[in-house]
Amino acid sequence: MDAAIRRYNIMKLLCRRRHETTANLAMEFGVSVRTMRRDIDFLSLTEPIYTKCGRFGGGVYVMDGYTVDNMYFKGSETKVMEKVLDCAEKKEACQLSSDEITELKQLVKNYTKPNAVQKKC
């Protein structure tokens, strides 16, 4: 299995489990722990994953709500983004309903990488 396919499969697995140790991932993918750490470092540059050190609770985490196939906005998300874009283009204040504000907050949460301090374990 080449590195790109392995990394994609790592992300799919992490999105299902939400948390896994580097050692378990290395064993499952048949690579060394060092190779898995390199893969995690590489993925953390573009994917919302982060690592935590520690014997209990340590490992690789994926941000809440993120999935690999989270590539497109849902219909309600698109409507909110189009409304905000329309207001910005017209240079007008944008009046959003409470439901639209909630939807916009969820968008920010879903598409923002956590600012967790990454330490080498």
Protein backbone atom coordinates (compact mmCIF):
# COMPACT_ATOMS: atom_id res chain seq x y z
CA MET A 1 0.00 0.00 0.00
CA ASP A 2 1.48 3.35 -0.93
CA ALA A 3 1.69 6.23 1.56
CA ALA A 4 -1.17 8.30 0.09
CA ILE A 5 -3.63 5.42 0.23
CA ARG A 6 -2.47 4.47 3.73
CA ARG A 7 -2.94 8.06 4.95
CA TYR A 8 -6.42 8.25 3.46
CA ASN A 9 -7.30 4.97 5.18
CA ILE A 10 -5.84 6.27 8.45
CA MET A 11 -8.17 9.28 8.25
CA LYS A 12 -11.18 7.08 7.49
CA LEU A 13 -10.37 4.90 10.49
CA LEU A 14 -9.82 7.90 12.77
CA CYS A 15 -13.11 9.43 11.67
CA ARG A 16 -14.90 6.23 12.68
CA ARG A 17 -13.09 5.75 16.00
CA ARG A 18 -12.35 9.43 16.83
CA HIS A 19 -9.23 8.38 18.82
CA GLU A 20 -6.53 5.77 18.47
CA THR A 21 -2.97 5.19 19.65
CA THR A 22 -0.05 5.44 17.26
CA ALA A 23 1.07 1.92 18.18
CA ASN A 24 -2.33 0.42 17.36
CA LEU A 25 -2.47 2.28 14.04
CA ALA A 26 1.03 1.08 13.15
CA MET A 27 0.09 -2.51 13.94
CA GLU A 28 -3.16 -2.33 11.93
CA PHE A 29 -1.46 -0.86 8.87
CA GLY A 30 1.62 -3.07 9.09
CA VAL A 31 4.16 -0.25 9.42
CA SER A 32 6.59 0.83 12.10
CA VAL A 33 5.55 3.24 14.84
CA ARG A 34 8.04 5.74 13.38
CA THR A 35 6.38 5.52 9.95
CA MET A 36 2.98 6.01 11.56
CA ARG A 37 4.25 9.09 13.42
CA ARG A 38 5.49 10.50 10.11
CA ASP A 39 2.08 9.82 8.56
CA ILE A 40 0.32 11.53 11.49
CA ASP A 41 2.68 14.52 11.25
CA PHE A 42 1.99 14.76 7.52
CA LEU A 43 -1.79 14.45 7.97
CA SER A 44 -1.86 17.03 10.76
CA LEU A 45 -0.74 19.67 8.25
CA THR A 46 -3.99 19.42 6.30
CA GLU A 47 -6.45 17.45 8.41
CA PRO A 48 -8.09 18.39 11.73
CA ILE A 49 -6.19 15.86 13.82
CA TYR A 50 -4.02 16.38 16.86
CA THR A 51 -2.00 14.29 19.27
CA LYS A 52 -2.00 14.07 23.05
CA CYS A 53 0.80 12.57 25.11
CA GLY A 54 0.14 10.23 27.95
CA ARG A 55 -0.32 6.62 28.80
CA PHE A 56 -4.02 7.08 29.53
CA GLY A 57 -5.89 9.15 26.97
CA GLY A 58 -2.85 9.75 24.81
CA GLY A 59 -2.86 9.16 21.08
CA VAL A 60 -4.23 10.64 17.89
CA TYR A 61 -7.56 12.46 17.91
CA VAL A 62 -9.76 13.81 15.15
CA MET A 63 -11.76 16.98 15.71
CA ASP A 64 -15.39 16.49 16.80
CA GLY A 65 -17.82 16.45 13.91
CA TYR A 66 -15.20 16.02 11.20
CA THR A 67 -15.54 13.28 8.63
CA VAL A 68 -13.37 12.51 5.61
CA ASP A 69 -16.33 12.99 3.30
CA ASN A 70 -17.22 16.38 4.80
CA MET A 71 -16.37 18.04 1.48
CA TYR A 72 -19.60 19.85 0.65
CA PHE A 73 -21.92 22.12 2.56
CA LYS A 74 -25.40 20.86 3.39
CA GLY A 75 -28.30 22.80 1.88
CA SER A 76 -28.90 24.87 5.01
CA GLU A 77 -25.18 25.64 5.30
CA THR A 78 -25.05 26.76 1.68
CA LYS A 79 -28.00 29.14 2.19
CA VAL A 80 -26.33 30.80 5.18
CA MET A 81 -23.01 31.15 3.37
CA GLU A 82 -24.74 32.59 0.27
CA LYS A 83 -26.59 35.11 2.43
CA VAL A 84 -23.38 36.22 4.17
CA LEU A 85 -21.57 36.42 0.80
CA ASP A 86 -24.40 38.46 -0.73
CA CYS A 87 -24.27 40.95 2.17
CA ALA A 88 -20.48 41.17 1.90
CA GLU A 89 -20.63 41.85 -1.85
CA LYS A 90 -23.21 44.60 -1.28
CA LYS A 91 -21.15 45.90 1.68
CA GLU A 92 -24.26 45.76 3.84
CA ALA A 93 -24.80 44.62 7.40
CA CYS A 94 -26.02 41.06 7.45
CA GLN A 95 -29.07 40.25 9.55
CA LEU A 96 -29.11 36.55 10.45
CA SER A 97 -31.86 34.72 12.29
CA SER A 98 -30.99 32.76 15.42
CA ASP A 99 -31.19 29.51 13.38
CA GLU A 100 -28.79 30.95 10.80
CA ILE A 101 -26.37 32.05 13.51
CA THR A 102 -26.49 28.56 15.02
CA GLU A 103 -25.81 27.08 11.57
CA LEU A 104 -22.88 29.46 11.02
CA LYS A 105 -21.40 28.60 14.44
CA GLN A 106 -21.66 24.90 13.58
CA LEU A 107 -19.88 25.53 10.27
CA VAL A 108 -17.01 27.25 12.06
CA LYS A 109 -16.81 24.41 14.56
CA ASN A 110 -16.87 21.70 11.88
CA TYR A 111 -14.28 23.29 9.62
CA THR A 112 -11.78 24.69 12.13
CA LYS A 113 -8.72 22.73 13.15
CA PRO A 114 -8.21 22.67 16.93
CA ASN A 115 -5.29 24.66 18.30
CA ALA A 116 -4.08 21.85 20.53
CA VAL A 117 -0.40 21.97 21.36
CA GLN A 118 1.21 19.09 19.58
CA LYS A 119 3.99 17.40 21.51
CA LYS A 120 6.14 14.57 20.30
CA CYS A 121 5.37 11.50 22.38
